[in-house]
């Protein structure tokens, strides 16, 4: 699976499903995989040297939203494999982009979660209700859910500290259900 369009079609197969997790404190988290999350999950918002992405990132632009971006991907116009890879900022998302697939999204078994994430404790501006993560040798894989903005992002980072956050352990592996 090489092209942006192929990655979109792959994700579309699991869009509208819900991943459910249970934490060691009894709390249950549910994440709906929405089609509108695709541009963020794959990292397109980071390619700010592409004019359509700058508009997508502009909160005042009421036209270029996630649905518009996914339409352009489906039409294979404006946002194509070539346009993405030719971005000067592609190196910022290259690992995320190259490893993106529904299999990778569904096979990730997060081990820990932060509920009621407080970005000020780590000097961040990230707006999120919760963060799922797993520490690995090559970095920390993080799934960020921004329910208020209907955005989700998966990232890999090497130097991240969750100092001052309450961390819970995931007790049960995710279940996948069709969201109604």
Protein backbone atom coordinates (compact mmCIF):
# COMPACT_ATOMS: atom_id res chain seq x y z
CA UNK A 1 0.00 0.00 0.00
CA UNK A 2 1.85 3.03 -1.24
CA UNK A 3 -0.42 5.88 -2.19
CA UNK A 4 -2.30 8.35 -0.06
CA UNK A 5 -5.49 7.20 -1.77
CA UNK A 6 -4.77 3.54 -0.87
CA UNK A 7 -4.12 4.49 2.75
CA UNK A 8 -7.42 6.39 2.80
CA UNK A 9 -9.32 3.38 1.40
CA UNK A 10 -7.64 1.13 3.95
CA UNK A 11 -8.67 3.38 6.86
CA UNK A 12 -12.18 3.77 5.44
CA UNK A 13 -12.74 0.04 6.07
CA UNK A 14 -12.50 0.57 9.83
CA UNK A 15 -14.04 4.04 10.03
CA UNK A 16 -17.14 4.10 12.23
CA UNK A 17 -15.83 1.34 14.45
CA UNK A 18 -15.18 1.88 18.12
CA UNK A 19 -12.15 0.73 20.11
CA UNK A 20 -12.86 0.09 23.77
CA UNK A 21 -10.38 -0.09 26.66
CA UNK A 22 -10.74 -0.78 30.37
CA UNK A 23 -8.31 0.84 32.82
CA UNK A 24 -7.00 -0.51 36.12
CA UNK A 25 -9.11 2.06 37.99
CA UNK A 26 -12.31 0.66 36.40
CA UNK A 27 -12.75 3.53 33.97
CA UNK A 28 -13.65 2.60 30.41
CA UNK A 29 -12.47 4.54 27.38
CA UNK A 30 -14.07 4.36 23.97
CA UNK A 31 -12.55 5.75 20.79
CA UNK A 32 -14.62 6.05 17.64
CA UNK A 33 -12.55 5.79 14.46
CA UNK A 34 -14.05 8.57 12.38
CA UNK A 35 -13.39 9.14 8.72
CA UNK A 36 -12.83 12.81 9.49
CA UNK A 37 -9.85 11.81 11.69
CA UNK A 38 -7.88 10.43 8.74
CA UNK A 39 -6.02 13.68 7.82
CA UNK A 40 -4.78 14.02 11.40
CA UNK A 41 -3.99 10.36 11.96
CA UNK A 42 -1.79 10.28 8.88
CA UNK A 43 -0.20 13.65 9.74
CA UNK A 44 -1.33 15.86 6.86
CA UNK A 45 -1.87 18.82 9.20
CA UNK A 46 1.92 19.02 9.63
CA UNK A 47 2.51 19.75 5.92
CA UNK A 48 2.00 23.49 6.30
CA UNK A 49 3.89 24.36 3.12
CA UNK A 50 0.98 22.93 1.08
CA UNK A 51 -1.60 25.73 0.59
CA UNK A 52 -4.67 23.52 1.05
CA UNK A 53 -3.24 22.23 4.34
CA UNK A 54 -2.61 25.78 5.58
CA UNK A 55 -6.30 26.45 4.92
CA UNK A 56 -7.22 23.19 6.69
CA UNK A 57 -5.28 24.32 9.77
CA UNK A 58 -6.91 27.77 9.76
CA UNK A 59 -9.77 27.70 12.31
CA UNK A 60 -11.43 30.61 10.47
CA UNK A 61 -11.65 28.74 7.17
CA UNK A 62 -15.12 27.21 7.13
CA UNK A 63 -14.69 25.47 3.74
CA UNK A 64 -11.51 23.45 4.06
CA UNK A 65 -12.28 21.03 6.87
CA UNK A 66 -11.59 17.29 7.19
CA UNK A 67 -14.47 16.33 4.89
CA UNK A 68 -13.12 18.62 2.17
CA UNK A 69 -9.63 17.14 2.55
CA UNK A 70 -10.94 13.57 2.32
CA UNK A 71 -12.94 14.52 -0.80
CA UNK A 72 -9.76 15.79 -2.45
CA UNK A 73 -7.98 12.57 -1.53
CA UNK A 74 -10.83 10.51 -3.01
CA UNK A 75 -10.77 12.60 -6.19
CA UNK A 76 -6.99 12.23 -6.27
CA UNK A 77 -6.74 15.97 -6.95
CA UNK A 78 -4.65 18.50 -5.05
CA UNK A 79 -3.69 15.91 -2.41
CA UNK A 80 -1.88 13.02 -4.02
CA UNK A 81 1.06 10.84 -3.15
CA UNK A 82 3.34 13.13 -5.16
CA UNK A 83 2.09 16.35 -3.58
CA UNK A 84 2.50 14.93 -0.08
CA UNK A 85 5.98 13.51 -0.66
CA UNK A 86 7.15 16.71 -2.37
CA UNK A 87 6.33 18.79 0.72
CA UNK A 88 9.39 20.26 2.43
CA UNK A 89 7.79 19.13 5.71
CA UNK A 90 7.23 15.50 4.66
CA UNK A 91 10.22 14.42 6.74
CA UNK A 92 8.20 15.44 9.84
CA UNK A 93 5.57 12.78 9.11
CA UNK A 94 7.51 10.25 7.04
CA UNK A 95 7.59 7.46 9.66
CA UNK A 96 3.96 7.97 10.57
CA UNK A 97 2.94 8.12 6.92
CA UNK A 98 4.95 5.12 5.74
CA UNK A 99 3.74 2.91 8.59
CA UNK A 100 0.10 3.94 8.41
CA UNK A 101 -2.34 1.08 7.84
CA UNK A 102 -5.49 -0.27 9.40
CA UNK A 103 -3.53 -3.32 10.53
CA UNK A 104 -1.06 -1.13 12.42
CA UNK A 105 -3.85 0.92 14.00
CA UNK A 106 -5.71 -2.17 15.17
CA UNK A 107 -2.66 -4.14 16.30
CA UNK A 108 -1.26 -1.47 18.59
CA UNK A 109 -1.73 -2.59 22.14
CA UNK A 110 -1.36 0.46 24.31
CA UNK A 111 -0.30 -0.28 27.86
CA UNK A 112 -1.00 2.98 29.68
CA UNK A 113 -3.38 5.92 29.59
CA UNK A 114 -3.67 9.42 30.97
CA UNK A 115 -7.21 10.55 31.71
CA UNK A 116 -7.97 14.24 32.30
CA UNK A 117 -4.70 15.20 30.63
CA UNK A 118 -3.33 18.52 31.88
CA UNK A 119 -0.98 19.99 29.24
CA UNK A 120 0.29 22.76 31.53
CA UNK A 121 2.07 20.15 33.67
CA UNK A 122 4.40 19.31 30.78
CA UNK A 123 4.50 22.71 29.07
CA UNK A 124 2.28 21.64 26.18
CA UNK A 125 -0.62 23.25 24.34
CA UNK A 126 -2.10 19.89 23.33
CA UNK A 127 -5.85 19.82 23.93
CA UNK A 128 -6.93 16.29 24.75
CA UNK A 129 -9.25 14.47 27.10
CA UNK A 130 -7.06 11.40 27.25
CA UNK A 131 -3.88 9.93 25.85
CA UNK A 132 -3.14 6.26 25.23
CA UNK A 133 0.51 5.31 24.99
CA UNK A 134 3.07 2.54 25.01
CA UNK A 135 6.74 3.06 25.72
CA UNK A 136 9.10 1.18 23.42
CA UNK A 137 12.82 1.19 22.74
CA UNK A 138 12.45 3.28 19.60
CA UNK A 139 10.15 5.81 21.24
CA UNK A 140 6.71 6.23 22.74
CA UNK A 141 3.68 5.52 20.56
CA UNK A 142 0.88 7.86 21.51
CA UNK A 143 -2.77 8.03 20.52
CA UNK A 144 -4.30 11.40 21.30
CA UNK A 145 -8.05 11.88 21.32
CA UNK A 146 -9.35 15.41 21.00
CA UNK A 147 -13.07 14.76 21.34
CA UNK A 148 -14.04 18.43 21.38
CA UNK A 149 -12.41 18.92 18.01
CA UNK A 150 -13.26 15.43 16.67
CA UNK A 151 -9.59 14.86 15.93
CA UNK A 152 -7.37 11.94 16.69
CA UNK A 153 -3.67 11.65 16.16
CA UNK A 154 -1.16 8.86 16.46
CA UNK A 155 2.47 9.90 16.87
CA UNK A 156 5.82 8.42 17.78
CA UNK A 157 8.07 10.51 19.98
CA UNK A 158 11.42 9.88 21.59
CA UNK A 159 11.62 12.47 24.36
CA UNK A 160 8.29 12.79 26.07
CA UNK A 161 7.69 13.03 29.78
CA UNK A 162 4.28 12.83 31.42
CA UNK A 163 5.53 14.31 34.69
CA UNK A 164 2.70 15.21 37.05
CA UNK A 165 0.04 13.29 35.12
CA UNK A 166 -1.95 10.42 36.62
CA UNK A 167 -1.12 7.33 34.61
CA UNK A 168 -3.43 4.30 34.55
CA UNK A 169 -2.65 0.85 33.23
CA UNK A 170 -4.86 -0.69 30.57
CA UNK A 171 -6.34 -3.90 31.99
CA UNK A 172 -8.06 -5.32 28.94
CA UNK A 173 -7.01 -5.22 25.35
CA UNK A 174 -9.09 -3.25 22.96
CA UNK A 175 -12.29 -4.61 21.52
CA UNK A 176 -13.53 -3.51 18.14
CA UNK A 177 -17.24 -2.85 17.64
CA UNK A 178 -19.23 -1.16 14.93
CA UNK A 179 -20.36 2.25 16.21
CA UNK A 180 -24.03 3.01 15.67
